Amino acid sequence: MKDRLEQLKATCDQDDEEVEIAVDNAAFMDEFFSQIEDIRGSIDKIDENVAEVKKLFSVILSAPTSDQKTQDDLEAITNDIKKMANNARNKLKTIERNLESEQQQERVSADMRIRKSQHAVLSRKFVEVMTKYNEAQVDFRERSKGRIQRQLEITGKATTDEELEEMLESGNAAVFTAGIVDSGISKQALSEIESRHKDIVRLESSIKELHDMFVDIAMLVESQGDVIDNIEKNVSQSVDHIVEAREQTKKAVRYQTKARKKTVIIVVIVVVLLAVITLSIGLGVGLNR
């Protein structure tokens, strides 16, 4: 009797532990999905800000010189992107470290596969958004450089791409304007050269600040190629199944419609036959009378 009580007690203790583990896992996954939503929100906001940056780049390029308000707006949005990108990168790296730790301990579970999948998808999305931002910056730099080159050509100081790059890398606007101040160039043209140079210097600083972070996440996504390929394959298969199911449904509807038409025709034939039989019987009875 005593052994039986000990066994029941041990079973109850084990059940309590399983319930506690289940509750802990649920709480852990809730916290994980909260992090995922935070990261996704940051990435979506970065995407919106990149669209605004493109608009401001267009405004700057459309004017001979950019006004201070436009520059302030651009700087504010750039800082916002940098802040949110760092937030997203740090959280993605934390999740990555946790996943690696669990893999080393061979603690592979359904929850872990879910977290790995979510992490891979968001990492890819983050790189796509940051690539879009980088492309906008590079495009702005090239167009600004083209404006400087055209203004220099007007003054008779034509430069090659290599020479212009050397001038830009020097970070000194005087390199552009040296020897052309007395060449009859207008103050507006001179001001534009200096303004474009400042735009490029500011842009170079922003690109350098984000470079390491961008490379870090890009390498992470590259290492997750198999995971992302599997996700895309599963999504593709799901879409194929949906399309196939839709076609099967259409066929079923067509068959059902045909069957319904056949049923109606059979009913009509039966009714006509019954009417003919009834009429024949009625005529026979009348004649007998």
C-alpha atoms as a PDB file:
ATOM      1  CA  MET A   1       0.000   0.000   0.000  1.00  0.00           C
ATOM      2  CA  LYS A   2       2.846   2.341   0.921  1.00  0.00           C
ATOM      3  CA  ASP A   3       4.646   1.586  -2.378  1.00  0.00           C
ATOM      4  CA  ARG A   4       1.473   2.367  -4.292  1.00  0.00           C
ATOM      5  CA  LEU A   5       1.146   5.759  -2.546  1.00  0.00           C
ATOM      6  CA  GLU A   6       4.770   6.601  -3.367  1.00  0.00           C
ATOM      7  CA  GLN A   7       4.162   5.677  -6.990  1.00  0.00           C
ATOM      8  CA  LEU A   8       1.050   7.875  -7.190  1.00  0.00           C
ATOM      9  CA  LYS A   9       2.946  10.759  -5.581  1.00  0.00           C
ATOM     10  CA  ALA A  10       5.798  10.403  -8.074  1.00  0.00           C
ATOM     11  CA  THR A  11       3.313  10.370 -10.963  1.00  0.00           C
ATOM     12  CA  CYS A  12       1.650  13.545  -9.650  1.00  0.00           C
ATOM     13  CA  ASP A  13       5.030  15.255  -9.284  1.00  0.00           C
ATOM     14  CA  GLN A  14       5.919  14.303 -12.868  1.00  0.00           C
ATOM     15  CA  ASP A  15       2.587  15.655 -14.152  1.00  0.00           C
ATOM     16  CA  ASP A  16       3.199  18.914 -12.272  1.00  0.00           C
ATOM     17  CA  GLU A  17       6.648  19.205 -13.890  1.00  0.00           C
ATOM     18  CA  GLU A  18       5.201  18.616 -17.370  1.00  0.00           C
ATOM     19  CA  VAL A  19       2.522  21.258 -16.799  1.00  0.00           C
ATOM     20  CA  GLU A  20       5.162  23.687 -15.531  1.00  0.00           C
ATOM     21  CA  ILE A  21       7.374  23.040 -18.598  1.00  0.00           C
ATOM     22  CA  ALA A  22       4.399  23.542 -20.925  1.00  0.00           C
ATOM     23  CA  VAL A  23       3.526  26.849 -19.237  1.00  0.00           C
ATOM     24  CA  ASP A  24       7.154  27.984 -19.391  1.00  0.00           C
ATOM     25  CA  ASN A  25       7.358  27.105 -23.114  1.00  0.00           C
ATOM     26  CA  ALA A  26       4.132  28.984 -23.825  1.00  0.00           C
ATOM     27  CA  ALA A  27       5.424  32.059 -21.981  1.00  0.00           C
ATOM     28  CA  PHE A  28       8.761  31.795 -23.795  1.00  0.00           C
ATOM     29  CA  MET A  29       7.071  31.614 -27.219  1.00  0.00           C
ATOM     30  CA  ASP A  30       4.834  34.567 -26.350  1.00  0.00           C
ATOM     31  CA  GLU A  31       7.936  36.591 -25.536  1.00  0.00           C
ATOM     32  CA  PHE A  32       9.615  35.395 -28.750  1.00  0.00           C
ATOM     33  CA  PHE A  33       6.663  36.426 -30.932  1.00  0.00           C
ATOM     34  CA  SER A  34       6.603  39.788 -29.164  1.00  0.00           C
ATOM     35  CA  GLN A  35      10.245  40.248 -30.211  1.00  0.00           C
ATOM     36  CA  ILE A  36       9.396  39.174 -33.753  1.00  0.00           C
ATOM     37  CA  GLU A  37       6.609  41.762 -33.981  1.00  0.00           C
ATOM     38  CA  ASP A  38       8.972  44.442 -32.660  1.00  0.00           C
ATOM     39  CA  ILE A  39      11.591  43.549 -35.281  1.00  0.00           C
ATOM     40  CA  ARG A  40       8.984  43.421 -38.040  1.00  0.00           C
ATOM     41  CA  GLY A  41       7.680  46.838 -36.946  1.00  0.00           C
ATOM     42  CA  SER A  42      11.195  48.299 -37.115  1.00  0.00           C
ATOM     43  CA  ILE A  43      11.773  46.862 -40.589  1.00  0.00           C
ATOM     44  CA  ASP A  44       8.426  48.170 -41.869  1.00  0.00           C
ATOM     45  CA  LYS A  45       9.203  51.623 -40.465  1.00  0.00           C
ATOM     46  CA  ILE A  46      12.648  51.574 -42.094  1.00  0.00           C
ATOM     47  CA  ASP A  47      10.955  50.732 -45.397  1.00  0.00           C
ATOM     48  CA  GLU A  48       8.636  53.739 -45.019  1.00  0.00           C
ATOM     49  CA  ASN A  49      11.570  55.988 -44.151  1.00  0.00           C
ATOM     50  CA  VAL A  50      13.534  54.793 -47.182  1.00  0.00           C
ATOM     51  CA  ALA A  51      10.630  55.967 -49.367  1.00  0.00           C
ATOM     52  CA  GLU A  52      10.814  59.385 -47.644  1.00  0.00           C
ATOM     53  CA  VAL A  53      14.594  59.508 -48.118  1.00  0.00           C
ATOM     54  CA  LYS A  54      14.126  58.933 -51.853  1.00  0.00           C
ATOM     55  CA  LYS A  55      11.701  61.861 -52.010  1.00  0.00           C
ATOM     56  CA  LEU A  56      14.156  64.123 -50.186  1.00  0.00           C
ATOM     57  CA  PHE A  57      16.980  63.022 -52.490  1.00  0.00           C
ATOM     58  CA  SER A  58      14.814  64.044 -55.453  1.00  0.00           C
ATOM     59  CA  VAL A  59      14.108  67.437 -53.865  1.00  0.00           C
ATOM     60  CA  ILE A  60      17.828  68.043 -53.248  1.00  0.00           C
ATOM     61  CA  LEU A  61      18.780  67.061 -56.800  1.00  0.00           C
ATOM     62  CA  SER A  62      16.070  69.201 -58.372  1.00  0.00           C
ATOM     63  CA  ALA A  63      17.422  72.427 -56.790  1.00  0.00           C
ATOM     64  CA  PRO A  64      20.803  74.123 -57.386  1.00  0.00           C
ATOM     65  CA  THR A  65      21.432  74.050 -53.639  1.00  0.00           C
ATOM     66  CA  SER A  66      19.545  72.257 -50.895  1.00  0.00           C
ATOM     67  CA  ASP A  67      17.876  74.349 -48.202  1.00  0.00           C
ATOM     68  CA  GLN A  68      18.625  73.808 -44.537  1.00  0.00           C
ATOM     69  CA  LYS A  69      15.166  72.395 -43.715  1.00  0.00           C
ATOM     70  CA  THR A  70      15.522  69.655 -46.323  1.00  0.00           C
ATOM     71  CA  GLN A  71      18.953  68.762 -44.960  1.00  0.00           C
ATOM     72  CA  ASP A  72      17.600  68.702 -41.386  1.00  0.00           C
ATOM     73  CA  ASP A  73      14.697  66.452 -42.434  1.00  0.00           C
ATOM     74  CA  LEU A  74      17.083  64.125 -44.256  1.00  0.00           C
ATOM     75  CA  GLU A  75      19.426  63.938 -41.279  1.00  0.00           C
ATOM     76  CA  ALA A  76      16.537  63.206 -38.887  1.00  0.00           C
ATOM     77  CA  ILE A  77      15.200  60.374 -41.057  1.00  0.00           C
ATOM     78  CA  THR A  78      18.718  58.985 -41.593  1.00  0.00           C
ATOM     79  CA  ASN A  79      19.296  58.895 -37.824  1.00  0.00           C
ATOM     80  CA  ASP A  80      15.904  57.222 -37.363  1.00  0.00           C
ATOM     81  CA  ILE A  81      16.807  54.536 -39.910  1.00  0.00           C
ATOM     82  CA  LYS A  82      20.166  53.989 -38.207  1.00  0.00           C
ATOM     83  CA  LYS A  83      18.526  53.633 -34.786  1.00  0.00           C
ATOM     84  CA  MET A  84      15.842  51.178 -35.948  1.00  0.00           C
ATOM     85  CA  ALA A  85      18.325  49.198 -38.055  1.00  0.00           C
ATOM     86  CA  ASN A  86      20.588  48.750 -35.037  1.00  0.00           C
ATOM     87  CA  ASN A  87      17.591  47.680 -32.953  1.00  0.00           C
ATOM     88  CA  ALA A  88      16.526  45.093 -35.549  1.00  0.00           C
ATOM     89  CA  ARG A  89      20.091  43.853 -36.093  1.00  0.00           C
ATOM     90  CA  ASN A  90      20.791  43.417 -32.363  1.00  0.00           C
ATOM     91  CA  LYS A  91      17.567  41.490 -31.764  1.00  0.00           C
ATOM     92  CA  LEU A  92      18.151  39.262 -34.785  1.00  0.00           C
ATOM     93  CA  LYS A  93      21.686  38.542 -33.554  1.00  0.00           C
ATOM     94  CA  THR A  94      20.370  37.680 -30.059  1.00  0.00           C
ATOM     95  CA  ILE A  95      17.865  35.221 -31.529  1.00  0.00           C
ATOM     96  CA  GLU A  96      20.632  33.764 -33.709  1.00  0.00           C
ATOM     97  CA  ARG A  97      22.899  33.195 -30.682  1.00  0.00           C
ATOM     98  CA  ASN A  98      20.076  31.507 -28.751  1.00  0.00           C
ATOM     99  CA  LEU A  99      19.315  29.201 -31.666  1.00  0.00           C
ATOM    100  CA  GLU A 100      22.976  28.277 -32.073  1.00  0.00           C
ATOM    101  CA  SER A 101      23.242  27.518 -28.351  1.00  0.00           C
ATOM    102  CA  GLU A 102      20.213  25.219 -28.466  1.00  0.00           C
ATOM    103  CA  GLN A 103      21.529  23.448 -31.573  1.00  0.00           C
ATOM    104  CA  GLN A 104      24.834  22.755 -29.852  1.00  0.00           C
ATOM    105  CA  GLN A 105      22.887  21.225 -26.944  1.00  0.00           C
ATOM    106  CA  GLU A 106      20.866  19.197 -29.460  1.00  0.00           C
ATOM    107  CA  ARG A 107      17.610  20.659 -28.144  1.00  0.00           C
ATOM    108  CA  VAL A 108      15.785  20.576 -31.487  1.00  0.00           C
ATOM    109  CA  SER A 109      12.015  20.925 -31.119  1.00  0.00           C
ATOM    110  CA  ALA A 110       8.967  22.120 -33.040  1.00  0.00           C
ATOM    111  CA  ASP A 111       9.203  25.487 -31.253  1.00  0.00           C
ATOM    112  CA  MET A 112      12.824  25.820 -32.294  1.00  0.00           C
ATOM    113  CA  ARG A 113      11.972  25.134 -35.938  1.00  0.00           C
ATOM    114  CA  ILE A 114       9.291  27.829 -35.762  1.00  0.00           C
ATOM    115  CA  ARG A 115      11.757  30.322 -34.269  1.00  0.00           C
ATOM    116  CA  LYS A 116      14.405  29.431 -36.845  1.00  0.00           C
ATOM    117  CA  SER A 117      11.928  29.932 -39.674  1.00  0.00           C
ATOM    118  CA  GLN A 118      10.716  33.299 -38.330  1.00  0.00           C
ATOM    119  CA  HIS A 119      14.296  34.453 -37.798  1.00  0.00           C
ATOM    120  CA  ALA A 120      15.305  33.481 -41.349  1.00  0.00           C
ATOM    121  CA  VAL A 121      12.334  35.264 -42.944  1.00  0.00           C
ATOM    122  CA  LEU A 122      12.887  38.492 -40.986  1.00  0.00           C
ATOM    123  CA  SER A 123      16.636  38.445 -41.651  1.00  0.00           C
ATOM    124  CA  ARG A 124      15.955  38.204 -45.379  1.00  0.00           C
ATOM    125  CA  LYS A 125      13.371  40.990 -45.202  1.00  0.00           C
ATOM    126  CA  PHE A 126      15.779  43.189 -43.232  1.00  0.00           C
ATOM    127  CA  VAL A 127      18.522  42.755 -45.831  1.00  0.00           C
ATOM    128  CA  GLU A 128      16.080  43.512 -48.661  1.00  0.00           C
ATOM    129  CA  VAL A 129      14.999  46.786 -47.030  1.00  0.00           C
ATOM    130  CA  MET A 130      18.572  47.823 -46.212  1.00  0.00           C
ATOM    131  CA  THR A 131      19.643  46.936 -49.768  1.00  0.00           C
ATOM    132  CA  LYS A 132      16.911  49.233 -51.052  1.00  0.00           C
ATOM    133  CA  TYR A 133      18.240  51.987 -48.788  1.00  0.00           C
ATOM    134  CA  ASN A 134      21.822  51.397 -49.923  1.00  0.00           C
ATOM    135  CA  GLU A 135      20.773  51.487 -53.586  1.00  0.00           C
ATOM    136  CA  ALA A 136      19.002  54.824 -53.016  1.00  0.00           C
ATOM    137  CA  GLN A 137      22.162  56.236 -51.410  1.00  0.00           C
ATOM    138  CA  VAL A 138      24.415  55.000 -54.221  1.00  0.00           C
ATOM    139  CA  ASP A 139      22.032  56.380 -56.868  1.00  0.00           C
ATOM    140  CA  PHE A 140      21.981  59.776 -55.112  1.00  0.00           C
ATOM    141  CA  ARG A 141      25.776  59.786 -54.885  1.00  0.00           C
ATOM    142  CA  GLU A 142      26.183  59.017 -58.593  1.00  0.00           C
ATOM    143  CA  ARG A 143      23.695  61.679 -59.639  1.00  0.00           C
ATOM    144  CA  SER A 144      25.301  64.262 -57.342  1.00  0.00           C
ATOM    145  CA  LYS A 145      28.702  63.352 -58.737  1.00  0.00           C
ATOM    146  CA  GLY A 146      27.311  63.804 -62.252  1.00  0.00           C
ATOM    147  CA  ARG A 147      26.109  67.307 -61.363  1.00  0.00           C
ATOM    148  CA  ILE A 148      29.581  68.241 -60.072  1.00  0.00           C
ATOM    149  CA  GLN A 149      31.188  66.833 -63.213  1.00  0.00           C
ATOM    150  CA  ARG A 150      28.890  68.857 -65.481  1.00  0.00           C
ATOM    151  CA  GLN A 151      29.556  72.076 -63.550  1.00  0.00           C
ATOM    152  CA  LEU A 152      33.305  71.475 -63.768  1.00  0.00           C
ATOM    153  CA  GLU A 153      33.002  70.896 -67.518  1.00  0.00           C
ATOM    154  CA  ILE A 154      31.227  74.251 -67.857  1.00  0.00           C
ATOM    155  CA  THR A 155      34.255  75.950 -66.313  1.00  0.00           C
ATOM    156  CA  GLY A 156      36.589  74.170 -68.697  1.00  0.00           C
ATOM    157  CA  LYS A 157      37.939  71.905 -65.949  1.00  0.00           C
ATOM    158  CA  ALA A 158      36.845  68.546 -67.333  1.00  0.00           C
ATOM    159  CA  THR A 159      37.587  65.577 -65.076  1.00  0.00           C
ATOM    160  CA  THR A 160      37.552  61.817 -65.489  1.00  0.00           C
ATOM    161  CA  ASP A 161      35.656  59.547 -63.093  1.00  0.00           C
ATOM    162  CA  GLU A 162      38.923  58.547 -61.433  1.00  0.00           C
ATOM    163  CA  GLU A 163      39.984  62.175 -60.904  1.00  0.00           C
ATOM    164  CA  LEU A 164      36.566  63.064 -59.550  1.00  0.00           C
ATOM    165  CA  GLU A 165      36.656  60.134 -57.120  1.00  0.00           C
ATOM    166  CA  GLU A 166      40.055  61.288 -55.865  1.00  0.00           C
ATOM    167  CA  MET A 167      38.649  64.778 -55.317  1.00  0.00           C
ATOM    168  CA  LEU A 168      35.671  63.353 -53.418  1.00  0.00           C
ATOM    169  CA  GLU A 169      37.872  61.155 -51.243  1.00  0.00           C
ATOM    170  CA  SER A 170      39.973  64.155 -50.254  1.00  0.00           C
ATOM    171  CA  GLY A 171      36.919  65.598 -48.506  1.00  0.00           C
ATOM    172  CA  ASN A 172      38.046  69.129 -49.294  1.00  0.00           C
ATOM    173  CA  ALA A 173      35.751  71.349 -51.372  1.00  0.00           C
ATOM    174  CA  ALA A 174      38.670  73.641 -52.221  1.00  0.00           C
ATOM    175  CA  VAL A 175      40.031  70.908 -54.480  1.00  0.00           C
ATOM    176  CA  PHE A 176      36.978  71.411 -56.696  1.00  0.00           C
ATOM    177  CA  THR A 177      37.016  75.196 -56.760  1.00  0.00           C
ATOM    178  CA  ALA A 178      40.778  75.772 -56.924  1.00  0.00           C
ATOM    179  CA  GLY A 179      41.740  77.573 -60.127  1.00  0.00           C
ATOM    180  CA  ILE A 180      38.177  78.174 -61.308  1.00  0.00           C
ATOM    181  CA  VAL A 181      37.159  81.099 -59.091  1.00  0.00           C
ATOM    182  CA  ASP A 182      38.564  83.580 -61.614  1.00  0.00           C
ATOM    183  CA  SER A 183      37.397  81.659 -64.659  1.00  0.00           C
ATOM    184  CA  GLY A 184      34.146  83.567 -64.944  1.00  0.00           C
ATOM    185  CA  ILE A 185      32.057  80.848 -63.330  1.00  0.00           C
ATOM    186  CA  SER A 186      28.878  82.145 -61.740  1.00  0.00           C
ATOM    187  CA  LYS A 187      28.490  82.142 -57.978  1.00  0.00           C
ATOM    188  CA  GLN A 188      25.460  79.891 -58.381  1.00  0.00           C
ATOM    189  CA  ALA A 189      27.458  77.252 -60.275  1.00  0.00           C
ATOM    190  CA  LEU A 190      30.268  77.478 -57.720  1.00  0.00           C
ATOM    191  CA  SER A 191      27.766  77.184 -54.887  1.00  0.00           C
ATOM    192  CA  GLU A 192      26.224  74.095 -56.498  1.00  0.00           C
ATOM    193  CA  ILE A 193      29.609  72.383 -56.776  1.00  0.00           C
ATOM    194  CA  GLU A 194      30.295  73.033 -53.090  1.00  0.00           C
ATOM    195  CA  SER A 195      26.748  71.991 -52.091  1.00  0.00           C
ATOM    196  CA  ARG A 196      26.943  68.709 -54.023  1.00  0.00           C
ATOM    197  CA  HIS A 197      30.311  67.989 -52.484  1.00  0.00           C
ATOM    198  CA  LYS A 198      28.882  68.469 -48.967  1.00  0.00           C
ATOM    199  CA  ASP A 199      25.934  66.195 -49.834  1.00  0.00           C
ATOM    200  CA  ILE A 200      28.319  63.448 -50.918  1.00  0.00           C
ATOM    201  CA  VAL A 201      30.524  63.834 -47.825  1.00  0.00           C
ATOM    202  CA  ARG A 202      27.472  63.485 -45.553  1.00  0.00           C
ATOM    203  CA  LEU A 203      26.280  60.502 -47.566  1.00  0.00           C
ATOM    204  CA  GLU A 204      29.660  58.772 -47.418  1.00  0.00           C
ATOM    205  CA  SER A 205      29.586  59.051 -43.626  1.00  0.00           C
ATOM    206  CA  SER A 206      26.130  57.456 -43.460  1.00  0.00           C
ATOM    207  CA  ILE A 207      27.113  54.617 -45.810  1.00  0.00           C
ATOM    208  CA  LYS A 208      30.222  53.822 -43.761  1.00  0.00           C
ATOM    209  CA  GLU A 209      28.233  53.753 -40.499  1.00  0.00           C
ATOM    210  CA  LEU A 210      25.800  51.184 -41.880  1.00  0.00           C
ATOM    211  CA  HIS A 211      28.334  49.154 -43.849  1.00  0.00           C
ATOM    212  CA  ASP A 212      29.461  46.776 -41.069  1.00  0.00           C
ATOM    213  CA  MET A 213      25.906  46.129 -39.931  1.00  0.00           C
ATOM    214  CA  PHE A 214      24.769  45.499 -43.490  1.00  0.00           C
ATOM    215  CA  VAL A 215      27.580  43.018 -44.186  1.00  0.00           C
ATOM    216  CA  ASP A 216      26.925  41.281 -40.853  1.00  0.00           C
ATOM    217  CA  ILE A 217      23.250  40.623 -41.598  1.00  0.00           C
ATOM    218  CA  ALA A 218      23.907  39.814 -45.279  1.00  0.00           C
ATOM    219  CA  MET A 219      26.355  37.072 -44.213  1.00  0.00           C
ATOM    220  CA  LEU A 220      23.767  35.779 -41.755  1.00  0.00           C
ATOM    221  CA  VAL A 221      21.134  35.495 -44.491  1.00  0.00           C
ATOM    222  CA  GLU A 222      23.614  33.789 -46.819  1.00  0.00           C
ATOM    223  CA  SER A 223      24.328  31.175 -44.130  1.00  0.00           C
ATOM    224  CA  GLN A 224      20.570  30.567 -43.815  1.00  0.00           C
ATOM    225  CA  GLY A 225      20.114  29.900 -47.510  1.00  0.00           C
ATOM    226  CA  ASP A 226      18.824  26.339 -47.001  1.00  0.00           C
ATOM    227  CA  VAL A 227      16.305  27.431 -44.363  1.00  0.00           C
ATOM    228  CA  ILE A 228      14.926  30.237 -46.538  1.00  0.00           C
ATOM    229  CA  ASP A 229      14.860  27.995 -49.638  1.00  0.00           C
ATOM    230  CA  ASN A 230      12.829  25.425 -47.677  1.00  0.00           C
ATOM    231  CA  ILE A 231      10.390  28.116 -46.526  1.00  0.00           C
ATOM    232  CA  GLU A 232       9.950  29.388 -50.085  1.00  0.00           C
ATOM    233  CA  LYS A 233       9.512  25.789 -51.314  1.00  0.00           C
ATOM    234  CA  ASN A 234       6.835  25.113 -48.676  1.00  0.00           C
ATOM    235  CA  VAL A 235       5.018  28.321 -49.579  1.00  0.00           C
ATOM    236  CA  SER A 236       5.209  27.430 -53.270  1.00  0.00           C
ATOM    237  CA  GLN A 237       3.876  23.930 -52.587  1.00  0.00           C
ATOM    238  CA  SER A 238       1.041  25.378 -50.504  1.00  0.00           C
ATOM    239  CA  VAL A 239       0.113  27.707 -53.362  1.00  0.00           C
ATOM    240  CA  ASP A 240       0.217  24.772 -55.813  1.00  0.00           C
ATOM    241  CA  HIS A 241      -2.050  22.739 -53.515  1.00  0.00           C
ATOM    242  CA  ILE A 242      -4.487  25.652 -53.268  1.00  0.00           C
ATOM    243  CA  VAL A 243      -4.575  26.045 -57.071  1.00  0.00           C
ATOM    244  CA  GLU A 244      -5.048  22.284 -57.503  1.00  0.00           C
ATOM    245  CA  ALA A 245      -7.807  22.229 -54.877  1.00  0.00           C
ATOM    246  CA  ARG A 246      -9.511  25.142 -56.633  1.00  0.00           C
ATOM    247  CA  GLU A 247      -9.424  23.263 -59.962  1.00  0.00           C
ATOM    248  CA  GLN A 248     -10.797  20.136 -58.293  1.00  0.00           C
ATOM    249  CA  THR A 249     -13.589  22.210 -56.781  1.00  0.00           C
ATOM    250  CA  LYS A 250     -14.446  23.674 -60.198  1.00  0.00           C
ATOM    251  CA  LYS A 251     -14.556  20.166 -61.689  1.00  0.00           C
ATOM    252  CA  ALA A 252     -16.768  18.966 -58.836  1.00  0.00           C
ATOM    253  CA  VAL A 253     -19.131  21.883 -59.429  1.00  0.00           C
ATOM    254  CA  ARG A 254     -19.263  21.082 -63.163  1.00  0.00           C
ATOM    255  CA  TYR A 255     -19.958  17.406 -62.480  1.00  0.00           C
ATOM    256  CA  GLN A 256     -22.578  18.307 -59.916  1.00  0.00           C
ATOM    257  CA  THR A 257     -24.238  20.685 -62.404  1.00  0.00           C
ATOM    258  CA  LYS A 258     -24.272  17.995 -65.109  1.00  0.00           C
ATOM    259  CA  ALA A 259     -25.664  15.457 -62.645  1.00  0.00           C
ATOM    260  CA  ARG A 260     -28.368  17.904 -61.597  1.00  0.00           C
ATOM    261  CA  LYS A 261     -29.319  18.474 -65.260  1.00  0.00           C
ATOM    262  CA  LYS A 262     -29.513  14.690 -65.869  1.00  0.00           C
ATOM    263  CA  THR A 263     -31.707  14.309 -62.788  1.00  0.00           C
ATOM    264  CA  VAL A 264     -34.079  17.007 -64.041  1.00  0.00           C
ATOM    265  CA  ILE A 265     -34.281  15.353 -67.495  1.00  0.00           C
ATOM    266  CA  ILE A 266     -35.027  11.940 -65.934  1.00  0.00           C
ATOM    267  CA  VAL A 267     -37.749  13.456 -63.731  1.00  0.00           C
ATOM    268  CA  VAL A 268     -39.336  15.156 -66.771  1.00  0.00           C
ATOM    269  CA  ILE A 269     -39.273  11.884 -68.740  1.00  0.00           C
ATOM    270  CA  VAL A 270     -40.842   9.979 -65.824  1.00  0.00           C
ATOM    271  CA  VAL A 271     -43.575  12.624 -65.473  1.00  0.00           C
ATOM    272  CA  VAL A 272     -44.332  12.466 -69.218  1.00  0.00           C
ATOM    273  CA  LEU A 273     -44.454   8.670 -69.141  1.00  0.00           C
ATOM    274  CA  LEU A 274     -46.788   8.731 -66.138  1.00  0.00           C
ATOM    275  CA  ALA A 275     -49.015  11.241 -67.931  1.00  0.00           C
ATOM    276  CA  VAL A 276     -49.137   9.053 -71.065  1.00  0.00           C
ATOM    277  CA  ILE A 277     -49.920   5.938 -69.009  1.00  0.00           C
ATOM    278  CA  THR A 278     -52.635   7.779 -67.055  1.00  0.00           C
ATOM    279  CA  LEU A 279     -54.133   9.148 -70.271  1.00  0.00           C
ATOM    280  CA  SER A 280     -54.111   5.680 -71.883  1.00  0.00           C
ATOM    281  CA  ILE A 281     -55.811   4.127 -68.871  1.00  0.00           C
ATOM    282  CA  GLY A 282     -58.408   6.903 -68.867  1.00  0.00           C
ATOM    283  CA  LEU A 283     -59.196   6.442 -72.560  1.00  0.00           C
ATOM    284  CA  GLY A 284     -59.459   2.659 -72.125  1.00  0.00           C
ATOM    285  CA  VAL A 285     -61.932   3.014 -69.281  1.00  0.00           C
ATOM    286  CA  GLY A 286     -64.003   5.499 -71.301  1.00  0.00           C
ATOM    287  CA  LEU A 287     -64.222   3.196 -74.295  1.00  0.00           C
ATOM    288  CA  ASN A 288     -65.294   0.229 -72.144  1.00  0.00           C
ATOM    289  CA  ARG A 289     -68.174   2.262 -70.815  1.00  0.00           C
END
